[in-house]
Protein backbone atom coordinates (compact mmCIF):
# COMPACT_ATOMS: atom_id res chain seq x y z
CA UNK A 1 15.70 39.10 25.59
CA UNK A 2 18.03 36.07 24.93
CA UNK A 3 16.67 35.84 21.38
CA UNK A 4 17.66 39.54 20.42
CA UNK A 5 20.96 38.72 22.10
CA UNK A 6 21.61 35.89 20.46
CA UNK A 7 20.31 36.93 16.97
CA UNK A 8 21.69 40.71 16.56
CA UNK A 9 25.30 41.30 16.01
CA UNK A 10 25.04 45.18 16.97
CA UNK A 11 27.05 45.50 20.13
CA UNK A 12 24.91 48.14 21.29
CA UNK A 13 21.40 46.32 21.00
CA UNK A 14 23.00 43.02 22.58
CA UNK A 15 24.09 45.42 25.81
CA UNK A 16 20.95 46.73 25.87
CA UNK A 17 18.93 43.37 25.70
CA UNK A 18 21.38 42.07 28.52
CA UNK A 19 20.94 44.72 31.00
CA UNK A 20 16.81 44.70 30.00
CA UNK A 21 16.96 41.29 30.79
CA UNK A 22 19.17 42.08 33.76
CA UNK A 23 16.67 44.15 35.03
CA UNK A 24 13.68 42.02 35.26
CA UNK A 25 15.04 39.19 36.85
CA UNK A 26 16.30 41.69 39.73
CA UNK A 27 13.92 40.42 42.52
CA UNK A 28 13.95 43.78 44.08
CA UNK A 29 13.09 45.53 40.72
CA UNK A 30 10.18 42.79 40.18
CA UNK A 31 8.75 43.13 43.95
CA UNK A 32 8.82 47.29 43.94
CA UNK A 33 7.16 46.74 39.98
CA UNK A 34 5.03 43.98 41.47
CA UNK A 35 4.13 46.51 44.96
CA UNK A 36 3.32 49.57 42.59
CA UNK A 37 1.11 47.66 40.08
CA UNK A 38 -1.24 46.63 42.93
CA UNK A 39 -1.07 50.56 44.73
CA UNK A 40 -0.98 52.69 42.22
CA UNK A 41 -4.25 52.33 40.90
CA UNK A 42 -5.68 53.13 43.69
CA UNK A 43 -3.85 56.61 43.96
CA UNK A 44 -4.77 57.25 40.30
CA UNK A 45 -8.06 57.14 41.09
CA UNK A 46 -7.73 59.07 44.14
CA UNK A 47 -5.93 61.64 42.00
CA UNK A 48 -8.65 61.74 39.45
CA UNK A 49 -11.65 62.15 41.68
CA UNK A 50 -9.95 65.15 43.35
CA UNK A 51 -9.20 67.18 39.89
CA UNK A 52 -12.68 67.14 39.23
CA UNK A 53 -13.56 71.35 39.02
CA UNK A 54 -17.26 70.76 41.00
CA UNK A 55 -16.18 67.96 44.03
CA UNK A 56 -18.04 68.70 47.16
CA UNK A 57 -16.18 68.10 50.44
CA UNK A 58 -18.44 64.86 51.76
CA UNK A 59 -17.09 63.75 48.09
CA UNK A 60 -13.58 64.34 48.82
CA UNK A 61 -14.16 62.67 52.14
CA UNK A 62 -15.70 59.31 50.79
CA UNK A 63 -12.78 59.35 47.77
CA UNK A 64 -9.99 59.50 50.41
CA UNK A 65 -11.82 57.06 52.68
CA UNK A 66 -12.46 54.58 49.62
CA UNK A 67 -8.92 54.88 48.36
CA UNK A 68 -7.53 54.88 52.34
CA UNK A 69 -9.43 51.45 52.41
CA UNK A 70 -7.91 50.09 49.42
CA UNK A 71 -4.15 50.60 50.35
CA UNK A 72 -4.79 49.01 54.25
CA UNK A 73 -5.93 46.09 51.93
CA UNK A 74 -3.07 46.01 50.21
CA UNK A 75 -0.71 46.26 53.10
CA UNK A 76 -2.74 43.41 54.47
CA UNK A 77 -1.95 41.39 51.28
CA UNK A 78 1.59 42.55 51.42
CA UNK A 79 2.77 39.03 52.17
CA UNK A 80 0.97 37.43 49.06
CA UNK A 81 2.95 40.18 46.92
CA UNK A 82 6.20 39.24 48.07
CA UNK A 83 5.02 35.73 46.93
CA UNK A 84 4.07 36.98 43.58
CA UNK A 85 6.96 38.49 42.87
CA UNK A 86 9.06 35.96 43.88
CA UNK A 87 6.66 33.88 41.07
CA UNK A 88 7.39 36.17 38.55
CA UNK A 89 11.56 36.43 39.22
CA UNK A 90 12.37 33.15 37.93
CA UNK A 91 15.72 33.89 35.91
CA UNK A 92 18.98 33.53 37.39
CA UNK A 93 20.30 36.33 39.47
CA UNK A 94 23.30 38.30 38.29
CA UNK A 95 27.06 38.28 39.53
CA UNK A 96 26.23 41.69 40.45
CA UNK A 97 27.73 43.28 44.01
CA UNK A 98 24.79 44.03 46.62
CA UNK A 99 25.34 46.44 49.37
CA UNK A 100 22.12 45.91 50.94
CA UNK A 101 20.32 43.07 51.97
CA UNK A 102 17.56 42.16 50.38
CA UNK A 103 15.26 39.59 52.07
CA UNK A 104 11.68 39.72 52.39
CA UNK A 105 11.38 40.61 55.57
CA UNK A 106 13.14 44.11 54.78
CA UNK A 107 10.95 44.02 51.46
CA UNK A 108 7.97 43.91 54.08
CA UNK A 109 9.24 46.78 56.04
CA UNK A 110 9.87 48.77 53.43
CA UNK A 111 6.21 48.08 51.95
CA UNK A 112 4.31 48.46 54.97
CA UNK A 113 6.18 52.43 55.64
CA UNK A 114 4.98 53.01 51.71
CA UNK A 115 1.56 52.37 52.54
CA UNK A 116 1.18 54.02 55.68
CA UNK A 117 3.34 57.05 54.40
CA UNK A 118 0.56 57.21 51.79
CA UNK A 119 -2.19 57.04 54.02
CA UNK A 120 -0.96 59.40 56.36
CA UNK A 121 -0.63 61.92 53.56
CA UNK A 122 -3.70 61.87 52.09
CA UNK A 123 -5.07 62.21 55.63
CA UNK A 124 -2.92 65.07 56.46
CA UNK A 125 -3.75 67.14 53.29
CA UNK A 126 -7.26 66.46 53.07
CA UNK A 127 -8.15 66.44 56.82
CA UNK A 128 -11.93 66.73 56.52
CA UNK A 129 -12.26 70.01 59.42
CA UNK A 130 -10.23 72.01 56.58
CA UNK A 131 -12.68 70.47 53.88
CA UNK A 132 -15.55 71.72 55.89
CA UNK A 133 -14.39 75.09 56.83
CA UNK A 134 -13.42 75.81 53.08
CA UNK A 135 -16.80 74.76 52.22
CA UNK A 136 -18.15 77.92 53.41
CA UNK A 137 -16.94 79.50 50.88
CA UNK A 138 -18.61 77.86 47.77
CA UNK A 139 -20.58 80.57 46.03
CA UNK A 140 -23.55 78.28 46.28
CA UNK A 141 -23.49 77.73 50.30
CA UNK A 142 -21.74 81.17 51.00
CA UNK A 143 -25.43 83.15 51.16
CA UNK A 144 -26.76 80.55 53.63
CA UNK A 145 -23.01 81.00 55.81
CA UNK A 146 -23.71 84.67 55.77
CA UNK A 147 -27.17 84.67 56.96
CA UNK A 148 -26.56 81.94 59.69
CA UNK A 149 -23.21 83.77 60.82
CA UNK A 150 -25.61 87.37 61.13
CA UNK A 151 -28.20 85.67 62.72
CA UNK A 152 -25.85 84.14 65.29
CA UNK A 153 -23.02 86.38 65.82
CA UNK A 154 -25.06 89.62 65.89
CA UNK A 155 -28.57 88.39 66.96
CA UNK A 156 -30.40 90.08 64.00
CA UNK A 157 -34.17 88.69 63.37
CA UNK A 158 -34.66 86.83 60.41
CA UNK A 159 -36.28 89.99 58.83
CA UNK A 160 -33.71 92.01 58.78
CA UNK A 161 -31.83 89.92 56.40
CA UNK A 162 -31.87 90.96 53.00
CA UNK A 163 -33.26 86.91 51.08
């Protein structure tokens, strides 16, 4: 970016290059970029697995459990992510006024909360009990469900129920 600023005479290009360089050297931006670089692949994998047309409840449960495990791993390594972000951001900080405290502790607390929210949201949205209840309406299991219901609720003998 410095080369662009020095070699171009167009004021718009130079201002844009300066702005990009300033953002890339901003410790807050670099931290969140690093954090989401580690989190989002797992969320993307979960999303892709849940978007399949033929997904069984057991597969959904496994996908959610795997995603939760990976997010918890990221959560447990949050201090390493903070150090990684500090290592990336080596440029001088701008003279920009800061309205908030940008300490490592604040980053850590916020990142832990994001991880917890992701895990809790996935678990709340895809409660396994609801998935099992919904699975009784799948076409391939509906017949077995109806037969079981008739045999247990109405005490009908098996020979009365059509095959």
